[in-house]
């Protein structure tokens, strides 16, 4: 069974890596095979520069750059899905007053507090931190990256909002992972 929504929270290709046309076509082919009943959405990461928009658009992902969409699935009730870049924005007050279930996607988790100052979200999804890349059991990450100093673990509860940070599949500039499991996350949201 296909997922209803697929969300990508950034850093498709390492910034120091130059892909060639053949590699770009292979990535588009792989991402195009991902199917979703409602849609596929993405936000750019800090390493996503030259090829990101082309690859994501050709792979049928909608890039949410400081904008939101109302998503419907066999119901009159919508879900608000908002994508934040480093420049924050505010969901219109009339939409927020509707008390709809709301999801925010963004790359750097440390902008969470500024997002929640002006908006309410039930679920916040982020990336960037790689959850520390190198973890010491019972202690946590050895080092953290800029943009993920405060929030760098897998899960936080902030008021009545839930923040989940994917550790992703790759590495940062150190090129290694230790005791830090790669992740593609699956969430089941139910109104019952």
N, C-alpha and C. Protein backbone atom coordinates (compact mmCIF):
# COMPACT_ATOMS: atom_id res chain seq x y z
N UNK A 1 0.83 -1.18 0.00
CA UNK A 1 0.00 0.00 0.00
C UNK A 1 0.87 1.25 0.00
N UNK A 2 0.48 2.23 -0.78
CA UNK A 2 1.24 3.48 -0.88
C UNK A 2 0.96 4.38 0.30
N UNK A 3 1.95 5.16 0.70
CA UNK A 3 1.69 6.16 1.74
C UNK A 3 0.79 7.26 1.18
N UNK A 4 0.13 7.99 2.06
CA UNK A 4 -0.69 9.12 1.60
C UNK A 4 0.18 10.32 1.24
N UNK A 5 1.17 10.59 2.08
CA UNK A 5 2.03 11.76 1.88
C UNK A 5 3.48 11.33 2.09
N UNK A 6 4.37 11.82 1.23
CA UNK A 6 5.80 11.62 1.39
C UNK A 6 6.42 13.00 1.59
N UNK A 7 7.25 13.13 2.62
CA UNK A 7 7.87 14.41 2.96
C UNK A 7 9.38 14.27 2.98
N UNK A 8 10.06 15.23 2.38
CA UNK A 8 11.52 15.24 2.33
C UNK A 8 12.00 16.51 3.03
N UNK A 9 12.89 16.36 4.03
CA UNK A 9 13.30 17.52 4.84
C UNK A 9 14.72 18.00 4.54
N UNK A 10 15.20 17.76 3.33
CA UNK A 10 16.42 18.42 2.87
C UNK A 10 17.68 17.60 2.85
N UNK A 11 18.70 18.19 2.20
CA UNK A 11 20.03 17.62 1.99
C UNK A 11 19.98 16.37 1.12
N UNK A 12 19.65 16.59 -0.13
CA UNK A 12 19.60 15.51 -1.10
C UNK A 12 21.00 15.06 -1.51
N UNK A 13 21.87 16.03 -1.80
CA UNK A 13 23.22 15.74 -2.29
C UNK A 13 24.20 16.57 -1.48
N UNK A 14 25.29 15.96 -1.05
CA UNK A 14 26.32 16.70 -0.30
C UNK A 14 26.82 17.88 -1.13
N UNK A 15 27.00 19.03 -0.48
CA UNK A 15 27.32 20.26 -1.21
C UNK A 15 28.65 20.18 -1.94
N UNK A 16 29.59 19.38 -1.47
CA UNK A 16 30.88 19.30 -2.15
C UNK A 16 30.87 18.33 -3.33
N UNK A 17 29.77 17.61 -3.51
CA UNK A 17 29.70 16.60 -4.57
C UNK A 17 29.04 17.19 -5.82
N UNK A 18 29.71 17.09 -6.94
CA UNK A 18 29.15 17.53 -8.22
C UNK A 18 28.61 16.30 -8.95
N UNK A 19 27.30 16.27 -9.16
CA UNK A 19 26.74 15.13 -9.88
C UNK A 19 26.77 15.41 -11.37
N UNK A 20 26.87 14.35 -12.15
CA UNK A 20 26.84 14.51 -13.60
C UNK A 20 25.41 14.25 -14.08
N UNK A 21 25.16 14.45 -15.36
CA UNK A 21 23.81 14.30 -15.91
C UNK A 21 23.25 12.90 -15.73
N UNK A 22 24.09 11.89 -15.88
CA UNK A 22 23.63 10.51 -15.72
C UNK A 22 23.19 10.26 -14.27
N UNK A 23 23.97 10.73 -13.31
CA UNK A 23 23.60 10.57 -11.91
C UNK A 23 22.31 11.33 -11.59
N UNK A 24 22.17 12.52 -12.15
CA UNK A 24 20.95 13.30 -11.94
C UNK A 24 19.74 12.54 -12.46
N UNK A 25 19.85 11.96 -13.64
CA UNK A 25 18.75 11.18 -14.21
C UNK A 25 18.43 9.95 -13.37
N UNK A 26 19.46 9.31 -12.81
CA UNK A 26 19.24 8.14 -11.95
C UNK A 26 18.49 8.53 -10.68
N UNK A 27 18.86 9.66 -10.09
CA UNK A 27 18.18 10.12 -8.88
C UNK A 27 16.71 10.43 -9.20
N UNK A 28 16.47 11.10 -10.31
CA UNK A 28 15.10 11.43 -10.71
C UNK A 28 14.30 10.15 -10.93
N UNK A 29 14.91 9.16 -11.57
CA UNK A 29 14.22 7.89 -11.82
C UNK A 29 13.84 7.21 -10.50
N UNK A 30 14.77 7.20 -9.54
CA UNK A 30 14.50 6.55 -8.25
C UNK A 30 13.42 7.31 -7.48
N UNK A 31 13.54 8.63 -7.40
CA UNK A 31 12.55 9.42 -6.65
C UNK A 31 11.18 9.40 -7.32
N UNK A 32 11.16 9.27 -8.63
CA UNK A 32 9.88 9.20 -9.35
C UNK A 32 9.12 7.92 -9.05
N UNK A 33 9.83 6.88 -8.65
CA UNK A 33 9.18 5.61 -8.32
C UNK A 33 8.45 5.67 -6.98
N UNK A 34 8.76 6.67 -6.17
CA UNK A 34 8.06 6.83 -4.89
C UNK A 34 6.67 7.36 -5.20
N UNK A 35 5.66 6.66 -4.76
CA UNK A 35 4.27 7.04 -5.02
C UNK A 35 3.59 7.42 -3.71
N UNK A 36 2.69 8.38 -3.80
CA UNK A 36 1.92 8.82 -2.64
C UNK A 36 0.52 9.18 -3.09
N UNK A 37 -0.49 8.75 -2.34
CA UNK A 37 -1.89 8.98 -2.73
C UNK A 37 -2.25 10.46 -2.81
N UNK A 38 -1.74 11.26 -1.87
CA UNK A 38 -2.07 12.69 -1.85
C UNK A 38 -0.99 13.52 -2.51
N UNK A 39 0.26 13.28 -2.17
CA UNK A 39 1.32 14.04 -2.78
C UNK A 39 2.67 13.85 -2.13
N UNK A 40 3.71 14.35 -2.82
CA UNK A 40 5.08 14.31 -2.34
C UNK A 40 5.54 15.76 -2.20
N UNK A 41 6.11 16.07 -1.04
CA UNK A 41 6.47 17.45 -0.72
C UNK A 41 7.90 17.49 -0.20
N UNK A 42 8.58 18.61 -0.45
CA UNK A 42 9.97 18.73 -0.04
C UNK A 42 10.28 20.15 0.42
N UNK A 43 11.32 20.23 1.21
CA UNK A 43 11.92 21.50 1.60
C UNK A 43 13.42 21.33 1.38
N UNK A 44 14.07 22.37 0.90
CA UNK A 44 15.50 22.30 0.62
C UNK A 44 16.30 22.34 1.92
N UNK A 45 17.43 21.66 1.91
CA UNK A 45 18.35 21.71 3.04
C UNK A 45 19.46 22.71 2.78
N UNK A 46 20.33 22.88 3.75
CA UNK A 46 21.42 23.84 3.60
C UNK A 46 22.45 23.39 2.56
N UNK A 47 22.47 22.12 2.22
CA UNK A 47 23.41 21.63 1.21
C UNK A 47 22.78 21.56 -0.18
N UNK A 48 21.49 21.78 -0.27
CA UNK A 48 20.79 21.67 -1.55
C UNK A 48 20.90 22.97 -2.32
N UNK A 49 21.68 22.94 -3.36
CA UNK A 49 21.91 24.15 -4.14
C UNK A 49 21.49 23.95 -5.59
N UNK A 50 22.45 23.59 -6.39
CA UNK A 50 22.34 23.65 -7.84
C UNK A 50 21.25 22.76 -8.45
N UNK A 51 21.17 21.53 -8.04
CA UNK A 51 20.32 20.56 -8.72
C UNK A 51 18.99 20.28 -8.03
N UNK A 52 18.83 20.76 -6.82
CA UNK A 52 17.70 20.35 -5.98
C UNK A 52 16.35 20.59 -6.65
N UNK A 53 16.07 21.81 -7.08
CA UNK A 53 14.76 22.13 -7.66
C UNK A 53 14.48 21.30 -8.90
N UNK A 54 15.47 21.17 -9.77
CA UNK A 54 15.28 20.38 -10.99
C UNK A 54 14.95 18.93 -10.66
N UNK A 55 15.74 18.34 -9.78
CA UNK A 55 15.53 16.93 -9.43
C UNK A 55 14.17 16.74 -8.77
N UNK A 56 13.85 17.57 -7.80
CA UNK A 56 12.59 17.38 -7.08
C UNK A 56 11.38 17.64 -7.99
N UNK A 57 11.42 18.69 -8.77
CA UNK A 57 10.30 18.97 -9.68
C UNK A 57 10.10 17.86 -10.69
N UNK A 58 11.19 17.34 -11.25
CA UNK A 58 11.07 16.27 -12.24
C UNK A 58 10.68 14.94 -11.59
N UNK A 59 10.80 14.85 -10.28
CA UNK A 59 10.41 13.65 -9.54
C UNK A 59 9.01 13.78 -8.94
N UNK A 60 8.28 14.82 -9.35
CA UNK A 60 6.92 15.10 -8.90
C UNK A 60 6.80 15.46 -7.42
N UNK A 61 7.85 16.05 -6.84
CA UNK A 61 7.77 16.61 -5.50
C UNK A 61 7.38 18.07 -5.61
N UNK A 62 6.54 18.53 -4.73
CA UNK A 62 6.19 19.94 -4.63
C UNK A 62 7.08 20.55 -3.56
N UNK A 63 7.82 21.58 -3.93
CA UNK A 63 8.71 22.24 -2.98
C UNK A 63 7.92 23.32 -2.26
N UNK A 64 7.84 23.19 -0.94
CA UNK A 64 7.12 24.16 -0.11
C UNK A 64 8.15 25.10 0.51
N UNK A 65 8.33 26.24 -0.09
CA UNK A 65 9.31 27.21 0.39
C UNK A 65 8.55 28.38 0.99
N UNK A 66 8.41 28.36 2.32
CA UNK A 66 7.64 29.38 3.03
C UNK A 66 6.21 29.49 2.48
N UNK A 67 5.58 28.36 2.37
CA UNK A 67 4.19 28.32 1.93
C UNK A 67 3.52 27.08 2.51
N UNK A 68 2.21 27.03 2.35
CA UNK A 68 1.49 25.89 2.89
C UNK A 68 0.43 25.44 1.89
N UNK A 69 -0.04 24.22 2.10
CA UNK A 69 -1.15 23.67 1.32
C UNK A 69 -2.13 23.03 2.28
N UNK A 70 -3.39 23.02 1.87
CA UNK A 70 -4.42 22.27 2.58
C UNK A 70 -4.59 20.95 1.85
N UNK A 71 -4.42 19.85 2.58
CA UNK A 71 -4.48 18.51 1.99
C UNK A 71 -5.76 17.82 2.44
N UNK A 72 -6.43 17.18 1.50
CA UNK A 72 -7.67 16.46 1.79
C UNK A 72 -7.51 15.00 1.39
N UNK A 73 -8.11 14.11 2.18
CA UNK A 73 -8.09 12.69 1.86
C UNK A 73 -9.40 12.07 2.30
N UNK A 74 -10.32 11.94 1.37
CA UNK A 74 -11.62 11.32 1.64
C UNK A 74 -12.34 11.96 2.82
N UNK A 75 -12.18 13.25 2.99
CA UNK A 75 -12.78 13.92 4.12
C UNK A 75 -12.94 15.39 3.80
N UNK A 76 -13.89 16.02 4.49
CA UNK A 76 -14.03 17.47 4.35
C UNK A 76 -13.04 18.21 5.23
N UNK A 77 -12.40 17.48 6.16
CA UNK A 77 -11.42 18.09 7.05
C UNK A 77 -10.05 18.07 6.38
N UNK A 78 -9.42 19.21 6.38
CA UNK A 78 -8.10 19.33 5.75
C UNK A 78 -7.00 19.15 6.79
N UNK A 79 -5.82 18.87 6.29
CA UNK A 79 -4.58 18.92 7.07
C UNK A 79 -3.77 20.06 6.49
N UNK A 80 -3.22 20.89 7.35
CA UNK A 80 -2.35 21.97 6.89
C UNK A 80 -0.93 21.42 6.84
N UNK A 81 -0.28 21.55 5.68
CA UNK A 81 1.12 21.17 5.53
C UNK A 81 1.89 22.41 5.13
N UNK A 82 2.83 22.82 5.95
CA UNK A 82 3.62 24.02 5.70
C UNK A 82 5.09 23.68 5.60
N UNK A 83 5.77 24.33 4.68
CA UNK A 83 7.21 24.17 4.53
C UNK A 83 7.91 25.47 4.86
N UNK A 84 8.88 25.40 5.74
CA UNK A 84 9.62 26.58 6.17
C UNK A 84 11.05 26.51 5.67
N UNK A 85 11.53 27.60 5.08
CA UNK A 85 12.96 27.72 4.81
C UNK A 85 13.58 28.42 6.00
N UNK A 86 14.81 28.87 5.87
CA UNK A 86 15.44 29.58 6.99
C UNK A 86 14.68 30.85 7.31
N UNK A 87 14.03 31.43 6.32
CA UNK A 87 13.22 32.62 6.55
C UNK A 87 11.84 32.15 6.97
N UNK A 88 11.46 32.48 8.18
CA UNK A 88 10.19 32.00 8.68
C UNK A 88 9.03 32.80 8.10
N UNK A 89 7.87 32.22 8.14
CA UNK A 89 6.65 32.92 7.74
C UNK A 89 5.55 32.50 8.68
N UNK A 90 4.40 33.11 8.53
CA UNK A 90 3.28 32.83 9.42
C UNK A 90 2.09 32.35 8.60
N UNK A 91 1.47 31.29 9.06
CA UNK A 91 0.23 30.82 8.45
C UNK A 91 -0.86 31.85 8.72
N UNK A 92 -1.69 32.13 7.73
CA UNK A 92 -2.74 33.12 7.91
C UNK A 92 -3.62 32.79 9.10
N UNK A 93 -4.01 33.82 9.81
CA UNK A 93 -4.77 33.68 11.04
C UNK A 93 -6.08 32.94 10.82
N UNK A 94 -6.74 33.19 9.69
CA UNK A 94 -8.02 32.52 9.45
C UNK A 94 -7.86 31.00 9.29
N UNK A 95 -6.70 30.57 8.76
CA UNK A 95 -6.43 29.14 8.66
C UNK A 95 -6.12 28.58 10.04
N UNK A 96 -5.31 29.28 10.82
CA UNK A 96 -4.97 28.80 12.17
C UNK A 96 -6.20 28.70 13.06
N UNK A 97 -7.16 29.59 12.89
CA UNK A 97 -8.38 29.57 13.72
C UNK A 97 -9.27 28.37 13.44
N UNK A 98 -9.08 27.70 12.30
CA UNK A 98 -9.92 26.56 11.95
C UNK A 98 -9.58 25.32 12.77
N UNK A 99 -8.49 25.36 13.53
CA UNK A 99 -8.12 24.26 14.40
C UNK A 99 -7.94 22.95 13.62
N UNK A 100 -7.31 23.04 12.46
CA UNK A 100 -7.03 21.87 11.63
C UNK A 100 -5.74 21.20 12.10
N UNK A 101 -5.65 19.90 11.90
CA UNK A 101 -4.39 19.23 12.19
C UNK A 101 -3.33 19.84 11.29
N UNK A 102 -2.15 20.13 11.85
CA UNK A 102 -1.15 20.85 11.07
C UNK A 102 0.22 20.22 11.22
N UNK A 103 0.94 20.20 10.09
CA UNK A 103 2.28 19.61 10.01
C UNK A 103 3.21 20.66 9.42
N UNK A 104 4.38 20.81 10.02
CA UNK A 104 5.42 21.69 9.48
C UNK A 104 6.62 20.84 9.08
N UNK A 105 7.19 21.15 7.92
CA UNK A 105 8.45 20.52 7.52
C UNK A 105 9.48 21.63 7.32
N UNK A 106 10.68 21.36 7.76
CA UNK A 106 11.77 22.31 7.61
C UNK A 106 13.07 21.56 7.83
N UNK A 107 14.17 22.19 7.52
CA UNK A 107 15.44 21.48 7.55
C UNK A 107 16.14 21.57 8.90
N UNK A 108 16.47 22.76 9.35
CA UNK A 108 17.26 22.93 10.56
C UNK A 108 16.34 22.97 11.79
N UNK A 109 16.46 22.00 12.69
CA UNK A 109 15.52 21.91 13.81
C UNK A 109 15.59 23.07 14.79
N UNK A 110 16.69 23.80 14.83
CA UNK A 110 16.79 24.89 15.80
C UNK A 110 15.91 26.10 15.48
N UNK A 111 15.22 26.09 14.34
CA UNK A 111 14.25 27.16 14.09
C UNK A 111 12.87 26.81 14.65
N UNK A 112 12.78 25.67 15.32
CA UNK A 112 11.50 25.21 15.88
C UNK A 112 10.85 26.26 16.77
N UNK A 113 11.60 26.82 17.69
CA UNK A 113 11.02 27.78 18.63
C UNK A 113 10.46 29.01 17.90
N UNK A 114 11.19 29.52 16.90
CA UNK A 114 10.69 30.69 16.19
C UNK A 114 9.45 30.35 15.34
N UNK A 115 9.37 29.13 14.84
CA UNK A 115 8.17 28.71 14.10
C UNK A 115 6.97 28.66 15.05
N UNK A 116 7.18 28.07 16.24
CA UNK A 116 6.07 27.91 17.18
C UNK A 116 5.68 29.22 17.87
N UNK A 117 6.52 30.24 17.81
CA UNK A 117 6.14 31.54 18.37
C UNK A 117 4.97 32.16 17.60
N UNK A 118 4.89 31.88 16.30
CA UNK A 118 3.89 32.54 15.45
C UNK A 118 2.85 31.58 14.88
N UNK A 119 3.05 30.30 15.06
CA UNK A 119 2.17 29.29 14.47
C UNK A 119 1.97 28.15 15.47
N UNK A 120 0.86 27.44 15.32
CA UNK A 120 0.68 26.20 16.07
C UNK A 120 0.79 25.05 15.09
N UNK A 121 1.59 24.04 15.43
CA UNK A 121 1.66 22.83 14.64
C UNK A 121 1.54 21.64 15.58
N UNK A 122 0.79 20.64 15.15
CA UNK A 122 0.67 19.40 15.91
C UNK A 122 1.91 18.55 15.74
N UNK A 123 2.44 18.53 14.52
CA UNK A 123 3.58 17.69 14.18
C UNK A 123 4.60 18.53 13.43
N UNK A 124 5.85 18.48 13.88
CA UNK A 124 6.95 19.18 13.24
C UNK A 124 7.98 18.15 12.80
N UNK A 125 8.41 18.22 11.55
CA UNK A 125 9.36 17.25 11.00
C UNK A 125 10.56 17.98 10.44
N UNK A 126 11.74 17.53 10.85
CA UNK A 126 12.96 18.21 10.49
C UNK A 126 14.04 17.20 10.16
N UNK A 127 15.19 17.70 9.74
CA UNK A 127 16.33 16.85 9.42
C UNK A 127 17.60 17.51 9.94
N UNK A 128 18.62 17.54 9.10
CA UNK A 128 19.86 18.29 9.29
C UNK A 128 20.79 17.76 10.36
N UNK A 129 20.31 17.36 11.51
CA UNK A 129 21.18 17.03 12.65
C UNK A 129 21.92 15.71 12.48
N UNK A 130 21.42 14.82 11.65
CA UNK A 130 21.91 13.43 11.57
C UNK A 130 21.92 12.81 12.97
N UNK A 131 21.15 13.40 13.88
CA UNK A 131 21.10 12.98 15.29
C UNK A 131 22.49 12.86 15.90
N UNK A 132 23.39 13.72 15.43
CA UNK A 132 24.74 13.77 15.98
C UNK A 132 25.78 12.99 15.19
N UNK A 133 25.36 12.11 14.28
CA UNK A 133 26.25 11.27 13.48
C UNK A 133 27.10 10.32 14.32
N UNK A 134 27.73 10.80 15.36
CA UNK A 134 28.54 9.94 16.23
C UNK A 134 27.94 10.05 17.63
N UNK A 135 27.35 8.96 18.09
CA UNK A 135 26.68 8.93 19.39
C UNK A 135 27.48 8.06 20.35
N UNK A 136 27.52 8.48 21.59
CA UNK A 136 28.08 7.65 22.65
C UNK A 136 26.88 7.12 23.45
N UNK A 137 26.72 5.80 23.56
CA UNK A 137 25.56 5.25 24.28
C UNK A 137 25.44 5.87 25.67
N UNK A 138 24.21 6.20 26.04
CA UNK A 138 23.82 6.79 27.33
C UNK A 138 24.31 8.24 27.52
N UNK A 139 25.08 8.75 26.57
CA UNK A 139 25.56 10.14 26.67
C UNK A 139 24.93 11.00 25.58
N UNK A 140 24.94 10.51 24.35
CA UNK A 140 24.39 11.27 23.24
C UNK A 140 25.45 11.65 22.24
N UNK A 141 25.15 12.69 21.42
CA UNK A 141 26.09 13.05 20.35
C UNK A 141 27.37 13.67 20.90
N UNK A 142 28.48 13.36 20.24
CA UNK A 142 29.77 13.93 20.61
C UNK A 142 29.82 15.41 20.20
N UNK A 143 29.30 15.70 19.02
CA UNK A 143 29.27 17.08 18.56
C UNK A 143 27.96 17.31 17.81
N UNK A 144 27.59 18.56 17.71
CA UNK A 144 26.37 18.92 16.98
C UNK A 144 26.73 19.96 15.94
N UNK A 145 25.89 20.08 14.94
CA UNK A 145 26.14 21.03 13.86
C UNK A 145 25.31 22.30 14.07
N UNK A 146 25.77 23.38 13.48
CA UNK A 146 25.03 24.64 13.52
C UNK A 146 23.64 24.40 12.96
N UNK A 147 22.63 24.90 13.62
CA UNK A 147 21.25 24.68 13.20
C UNK A 147 20.61 23.49 13.90
N UNK A 148 21.43 22.73 14.64
CA UNK A 148 20.91 21.58 15.40
C UNK A 148 21.66 21.47 16.73
N UNK A 149 21.90 22.59 17.35
CA UNK A 149 22.57 22.60 18.66
C UNK A 149 21.58 22.29 19.77
N UNK A 150 20.40 22.91 19.72
CA UNK A 150 19.39 22.71 20.76
C UNK A 150 18.59 21.42 20.53
N UNK A 151 18.15 21.23 19.30
CA UNK A 151 17.34 20.07 18.94
C UNK A 151 18.15 19.17 18.01
N UNK A 152 18.58 18.01 18.51
CA UNK A 152 19.37 17.11 17.67
C UNK A 152 19.07 15.63 17.92
N UNK A 153 18.14 15.34 18.82
CA UNK A 153 17.75 13.95 19.07
C UNK A 153 16.55 13.61 18.19
N UNK A 154 16.10 12.38 18.27
CA UNK A 154 15.02 11.92 17.40
C UNK A 154 13.67 12.55 17.71
N UNK A 155 13.37 12.84 18.99
CA UNK A 155 12.02 13.27 19.34
C UNK A 155 12.03 14.25 20.50
N UNK A 156 11.15 15.25 20.39
CA UNK A 156 10.91 16.20 21.47
C UNK A 156 9.42 16.49 21.55
N UNK A 157 8.91 16.68 22.75
CA UNK A 157 7.56 17.19 22.95
C UNK A 157 7.72 18.63 23.42
N UNK A 158 7.12 19.56 22.68
CA UNK A 158 7.23 20.98 23.00
C UNK A 158 5.80 21.50 23.15
N UNK A 159 5.38 21.71 24.39
CA UNK A 159 3.99 22.06 24.64
C UNK A 159 3.11 20.93 24.16
N UNK A 160 2.15 21.24 23.26
CA UNK A 160 1.31 20.18 22.70
C UNK A 160 1.72 19.84 21.27
N UNK A 161 2.96 20.15 20.91
CA UNK A 161 3.50 19.82 19.58
C UNK A 161 4.54 18.71 19.71
N UNK A 162 4.62 17.88 18.70
CA UNK A 162 5.61 16.81 18.65
C UNK A 162 6.62 17.12 17.54
N UNK A 163 7.90 17.14 17.89
CA UNK A 163 8.98 17.36 16.93
C UNK A 163 9.73 16.05 16.74
N UNK A 164 9.83 15.61 15.48
CA UNK A 164 10.62 14.44 15.13
C UNK A 164 11.71 14.87 14.16
N UNK A 165 12.93 14.43 14.42
CA UNK A 165 14.07 14.78 13.59
C UNK A 165 14.62 13.50 12.98
N UNK A 166 14.59 13.43 11.67
CA UNK A 166 15.12 12.26 10.98
C UNK A 166 16.64 12.31 11.00
N UNK A 167 17.26 11.18 11.25
CA UNK A 167 18.73 11.13 11.18
C UNK A 167 19.20 10.96 9.74
N UNK A 168 18.27 10.78 8.82
CA UNK A 168 18.62 10.68 7.41
C UNK A 168 19.42 9.44 7.09
N UNK A 169 19.97 9.43 5.89
CA UNK A 169 20.71 8.26 5.43
C UNK A 169 22.20 8.50 5.27
N UNK A 170 22.60 9.75 5.16
CA UNK A 170 23.99 10.07 4.86
C UNK A 170 24.78 10.45 6.09
N UNK A 171 25.85 11.18 5.83
CA UNK A 171 26.73 11.66 6.89
C UNK A 171 27.00 13.14 6.66
N UNK A 172 27.64 13.76 7.64
CA UNK A 172 28.07 15.13 7.42
C UNK A 172 29.53 15.12 6.97
N UNK A 173 30.24 16.24 7.13
CA UNK A 173 31.60 16.31 6.58
C UNK A 173 32.58 15.29 7.16
N UNK A 174 32.32 14.74 8.35
CA UNK A 174 33.21 13.72 8.91
C UNK A 174 33.13 12.40 8.13
N UNK A 175 32.00 12.17 7.48
CA UNK A 175 31.86 10.99 6.63
C UNK A 175 31.65 9.68 7.36
N UNK A 176 31.36 9.72 8.66
CA UNK A 176 31.11 8.47 9.40
C UNK A 176 29.87 8.61 10.26
N UNK A 177 29.31 7.45 10.60
CA UNK A 177 28.23 7.36 11.58
C UNK A 177 28.64 6.29 12.58
N UNK A 178 28.34 6.55 13.84
CA UNK A 178 28.66 5.56 14.87
C UNK A 178 27.55 5.58 15.90
N UNK A 179 26.91 4.44 16.12
CA UNK A 179 25.78 4.32 17.05
C UNK A 179 24.67 5.32 16.72
N UNK A 180 24.53 5.64 15.47
CA UNK A 180 23.51 6.58 15.02
C UNK A 180 22.83 5.95 13.81
N UNK A 181 21.73 5.31 14.07
CA UNK A 181 21.04 4.54 13.06
C UNK A 181 20.46 5.44 11.96
N UNK A 182 20.74 5.18 10.68
CA UNK A 182 20.10 5.93 9.60
C UNK A 182 18.60 5.72 9.64
N UNK A 183 17.84 6.69 9.13
CA UNK A 183 16.39 6.53 9.22
C UNK A 183 15.65 7.11 8.03
N UNK A 184 14.63 6.40 7.64
CA UNK A 184 13.53 6.90 6.81
C UNK A 184 12.32 6.65 7.69
N UNK A 185 11.66 7.70 8.10
CA UNK A 185 10.63 7.59 9.14
C UNK A 185 9.24 7.42 8.56
N UNK A 186 8.43 6.65 9.27
CA UNK A 186 7.05 6.38 8.90
C UNK A 186 6.15 6.82 10.05
N UNK A 187 5.15 7.64 9.75
CA UNK A 187 4.22 8.11 10.78
C UNK A 187 2.81 7.76 10.35
N UNK A 188 2.04 7.25 11.30
CA UNK A 188 0.63 6.97 11.05
C UNK A 188 -0.18 7.98 11.86
N UNK A 189 -0.95 8.78 11.15
CA UNK A 189 -1.77 9.82 11.79
C UNK A 189 -3.22 9.40 11.67
N UNK A 190 -3.90 9.38 12.80
CA UNK A 190 -5.27 8.92 12.81
C UNK A 190 -6.13 9.90 13.60
N UNK A 191 -7.37 10.08 13.18
CA UNK A 191 -8.27 10.96 13.92
C UNK A 191 -9.14 10.17 14.92
N UNK A 192 -8.81 8.91 15.12
CA UNK A 192 -9.60 8.12 16.07
C UNK A 192 -8.88 7.91 17.38
